[in-house]
Amino acid sequence: MCEPSSFKSPLLPLPDSSSTLEQDDISNIIEYVLARSQTKKSEVLDFSAHLIYTTALFVCRLSGLAFYRRLCKLHDRLYMAIKCALLAHIAAYLPQVFLIILHCKPVTGLWPYS
């Protein structure tokens, strides 16, 4: 496996592992892989994919709950448990979607590249 410290570029030196990485350093490291225009496009696609995945997962969970609701409609305790699970899924889905939509800094910007 290639160690980051062994990578030497004639174009742009990487910071040594003893220093903390600033946002400019992270952008420069990403530029080795993607151009700035591609980075912006990939961020938009990543954002869209997160929303689609989260919503699809929520819909699949609702589908499972609807199936169990149909099976257990005659049993009051199980029916109540399914309603509680539905509320829990909604309570978990909404903050997750709001976190995806309203986050200001990408998670990868918080990773220590050392």
C-alpha atoms as a PDB file:
ATOM      1  CA  MET A   1       0.000   0.000   0.000  1.00  0.00           C
ATOM      2  CA  CYS A   2       1.258   3.477  -0.795  1.00  0.00           C
ATOM      3  CA  GLU A   3       1.914   5.712   2.183  1.00  0.00           C
ATOM      4  CA  PRO A   4       0.831   9.351   1.770  1.00  0.00           C
ATOM      5  CA  SER A   5       4.196  10.567   3.040  1.00  0.00           C
ATOM      6  CA  SER A   6       6.020   8.608   0.311  1.00  0.00           C
ATOM      7  CA  PHE A   7       4.050  10.333  -2.466  1.00  0.00           C
ATOM      8  CA  LYS A   8       6.112  13.084  -4.050  1.00  0.00           C
ATOM      9  CA  SER A   9       4.601  15.364  -6.651  1.00  0.00           C
ATOM     10  CA  PRO A  10       6.555  17.770  -8.812  1.00  0.00           C
ATOM     11  CA  LEU A  11       3.471  19.984  -9.082  1.00  0.00           C
ATOM     12  CA  LEU A  12       2.377  20.588  -5.512  1.00  0.00           C
ATOM     13  CA  PRO A  13       4.014  19.451  -2.294  1.00  0.00           C
ATOM     14  CA  LEU A  14       1.826  17.692   0.239  1.00  0.00           C
ATOM     15  CA  PRO A  15       2.012  18.922   3.817  1.00  0.00           C
ATOM     16  CA  ASP A  16       3.929  16.707   6.201  1.00  0.00           C
ATOM     17  CA  SER A  17       1.980  14.570   8.668  1.00  0.00           C
ATOM     18  CA  SER A  18       3.096  16.615  11.679  1.00  0.00           C
ATOM     19  CA  SER A  19       1.244  19.746  10.566  1.00  0.00           C
ATOM     20  CA  THR A  20      -2.504  20.202  10.652  1.00  0.00           C
ATOM     21  CA  LEU A  21      -4.238  20.351   7.318  1.00  0.00           C
ATOM     22  CA  GLU A  22      -6.065  23.507   6.401  1.00  0.00           C
ATOM     23  CA  GLN A  23      -8.990  23.689   3.969  1.00  0.00           C
ATOM     24  CA  ASP A  24      -6.654  24.838   1.165  1.00  0.00           C
ATOM     25  CA  ASP A  25      -4.425  21.806   1.739  1.00  0.00           C
ATOM     26  CA  ILE A  26      -7.421  19.476   1.517  1.00  0.00           C
ATOM     27  CA  SER A  27      -8.557  21.167  -1.694  1.00  0.00           C
ATOM     28  CA  ASN A  28      -5.075  20.734  -3.143  1.00  0.00           C
ATOM     29  CA  ILE A  29      -5.050  17.041  -2.231  1.00  0.00           C
ATOM     30  CA  ILE A  30      -8.448  16.558  -3.883  1.00  0.00           C
ATOM     31  CA  GLU A  31      -7.171  18.304  -7.019  1.00  0.00           C
ATOM     32  CA  TYR A  32      -4.775  15.398  -7.543  1.00  0.00           C
ATOM     33  CA  VAL A  33      -7.827  13.256  -8.230  1.00  0.00           C
ATOM     34  CA  LEU A  34     -10.461  15.626  -9.619  1.00  0.00           C
ATOM     35  CA  ALA A  35     -10.489  19.014 -11.282  1.00  0.00           C
ATOM     36  CA  ARG A  36     -12.431  21.758  -9.509  1.00  0.00           C
ATOM     37  CA  SER A  37     -15.325  21.527 -11.986  1.00  0.00           C
ATOM     38  CA  GLN A  38     -15.542  17.765 -11.437  1.00  0.00           C
ATOM     39  CA  THR A  39     -15.361  18.232  -7.665  1.00  0.00           C
ATOM     40  CA  LYS A  40     -18.355  20.580  -7.704  1.00  0.00           C
ATOM     41  CA  LYS A  41     -20.321  18.183  -9.904  1.00  0.00           C
ATOM     42  CA  SER A  42     -19.474  15.242  -7.647  1.00  0.00           C
ATOM     43  CA  GLU A  43     -20.602  17.204  -4.564  1.00  0.00           C
ATOM     44  CA  VAL A  44     -23.987  17.883  -6.197  1.00  0.00           C
ATOM     45  CA  LEU A  45     -24.326  14.234  -7.186  1.00  0.00           C
ATOM     46  CA  ASP A  46     -23.324  13.135  -3.689  1.00  0.00           C
ATOM     47  CA  PHE A  47     -25.918  15.441  -2.137  1.00  0.00           C
ATOM     48  CA  SER A  48     -28.629  14.157  -4.479  1.00  0.00           C
ATOM     49  CA  ALA A  49     -27.668  10.534  -3.918  1.00  0.00           C
ATOM     50  CA  HIS A  50     -27.845  10.967  -0.127  1.00  0.00           C
ATOM     51  CA  LEU A  51     -31.356  12.407  -0.368  1.00  0.00           C
ATOM     52  CA  ILE A  52     -32.525   9.694  -2.760  1.00  0.00           C
ATOM     53  CA  TYR A  53     -30.985   6.903  -0.675  1.00  0.00           C
ATOM     54  CA  THR A  54     -32.428   8.213   2.595  1.00  0.00           C
ATOM     55  CA  THR A  55     -35.887   8.591   1.086  1.00  0.00           C
ATOM     56  CA  ALA A  56     -35.760   5.178  -0.606  1.00  0.00           C
ATOM     57  CA  LEU A  57     -34.735   3.536   2.656  1.00  0.00           C
ATOM     58  CA  PHE A  58     -37.585   5.291   4.458  1.00  0.00           C
ATOM     59  CA  VAL A  59     -40.100   4.153   1.837  1.00  0.00           C
ATOM     60  CA  CYS A  60     -38.847   0.553   2.126  1.00  0.00           C
ATOM     61  CA  ARG A  61     -39.292   0.692   5.879  1.00  0.00           C
ATOM     62  CA  LEU A  62     -42.802   2.083   5.436  1.00  0.00           C
ATOM     63  CA  SER A  63     -43.544  -0.738   3.035  1.00  0.00           C
ATOM     64  CA  GLY A  64     -42.502  -3.300   5.638  1.00  0.00           C
ATOM     65  CA  LEU A  65     -44.613  -1.609   8.290  1.00  0.00           C
ATOM     66  CA  ALA A  66     -47.616  -1.534   5.951  1.00  0.00           C
ATOM     67  CA  PHE A  67     -47.175  -5.261   5.350  1.00  0.00           C
ATOM     68  CA  TYR A  68     -47.077  -6.003   9.083  1.00  0.00           C
ATOM     69  CA  ARG A  69     -50.006  -3.661   9.680  1.00  0.00           C
ATOM     70  CA  ARG A  70     -52.062  -5.639   7.221  1.00  0.00           C
ATOM     71  CA  LEU A  71     -51.100  -8.924   8.884  1.00  0.00           C
ATOM     72  CA  CYS A  72     -51.671  -7.742  12.443  1.00  0.00           C
ATOM     73  CA  LYS A  73     -54.733  -5.544  12.085  1.00  0.00           C
ATOM     74  CA  LEU A  74     -56.827  -7.858  14.290  1.00  0.00           C
ATOM     75  CA  HIS A  75     -54.289  -7.819  17.142  1.00  0.00           C
ATOM     76  CA  ASP A  76     -54.517  -4.541  18.998  1.00  0.00           C
ATOM     77  CA  ARG A  77     -51.154  -4.742  20.784  1.00  0.00           C
ATOM     78  CA  LEU A  78     -49.204  -5.544  17.616  1.00  0.00           C
ATOM     79  CA  TYR A  79     -51.128  -2.877  15.728  1.00  0.00           C
ATOM     80  CA  MET A  80     -50.144  -0.334  18.398  1.00  0.00           C
ATOM     81  CA  ALA A  81     -46.505  -1.443  18.203  1.00  0.00           C
ATOM     82  CA  ILE A  82     -46.553  -0.911  14.438  1.00  0.00           C
ATOM     83  CA  LYS A  83     -47.961   2.591  14.921  1.00  0.00           C
ATOM     84  CA  CYS A  84     -45.197   3.342  17.435  1.00  0.00           C
ATOM     85  CA  ALA A  85     -42.576   2.032  14.983  1.00  0.00           C
ATOM     86  CA  LEU A  86     -44.063   4.261  12.281  1.00  0.00           C
ATOM     87  CA  LEU A  87     -43.736   7.303  14.532  1.00  0.00           C
ATOM     88  CA  ALA A  88     -40.161   6.334  15.397  1.00  0.00           C
ATOM     89  CA  HIS A  89     -39.256   5.998  11.702  1.00  0.00           C
ATOM     90  CA  ILE A  90     -40.758   9.387  10.908  1.00  0.00           C
ATOM     91  CA  ALA A  91     -38.986  10.923  13.909  1.00  0.00           C
ATOM     92  CA  ALA A  92     -35.674   9.508  12.652  1.00  0.00           C
ATOM     93  CA  TYR A  93     -36.230  10.364   8.970  1.00  0.00           C
ATOM     94  CA  LEU A  94     -37.010  14.064   9.352  1.00  0.00           C
ATOM     95  CA  PRO A  95     -33.828  15.087  11.234  1.00  0.00           C
ATOM     96  CA  GLN A  96     -31.738  12.976   8.885  1.00  0.00           C
ATOM     97  CA  VAL A  97     -33.154  14.759   5.836  1.00  0.00           C
ATOM     98  CA  PHE A  98     -32.766  18.172   7.466  1.00  0.00           C
ATOM     99  CA  LEU A  99     -29.147  17.375   8.348  1.00  0.00           C
ATOM    100  CA  ILE A 100     -28.434  16.406   4.746  1.00  0.00           C
ATOM    101  CA  ILE A 101     -30.099  19.542   3.383  1.00  0.00           C
ATOM    102  CA  LEU A 102     -28.849  22.078   5.919  1.00  0.00           C
ATOM    103  CA  HIS A 103     -25.256  21.008   6.553  1.00  0.00           C
ATOM    104  CA  CYS A 104     -22.798  23.725   5.638  1.00  0.00           C
ATOM    105  CA  LYS A 105     -19.513  21.868   5.478  1.00  0.00           C
ATOM    106  CA  PRO A 106     -19.092  18.491   3.774  1.00  0.00           C
ATOM    107  CA  VAL A 107     -18.226  15.667   6.150  1.00  0.00           C
ATOM    108  CA  THR A 108     -15.063  14.947   4.180  1.00  0.00           C
ATOM    109  CA  GLY A 109     -13.911  18.474   5.033  1.00  0.00           C
ATOM    110  CA  LEU A 110     -13.792  17.438   8.686  1.00  0.00           C
ATOM    111  CA  TRP A 111     -11.643  14.335   8.130  1.00  0.00           C
ATOM    112  CA  PRO A 112      -8.032  14.621   9.215  1.00  0.00           C
ATOM    113  CA  TYR A 113      -5.952  13.742   6.160  1.00  0.00           C
ATOM    114  CA  SER A 114      -2.915  12.622   8.102  1.00  0.00           C
END
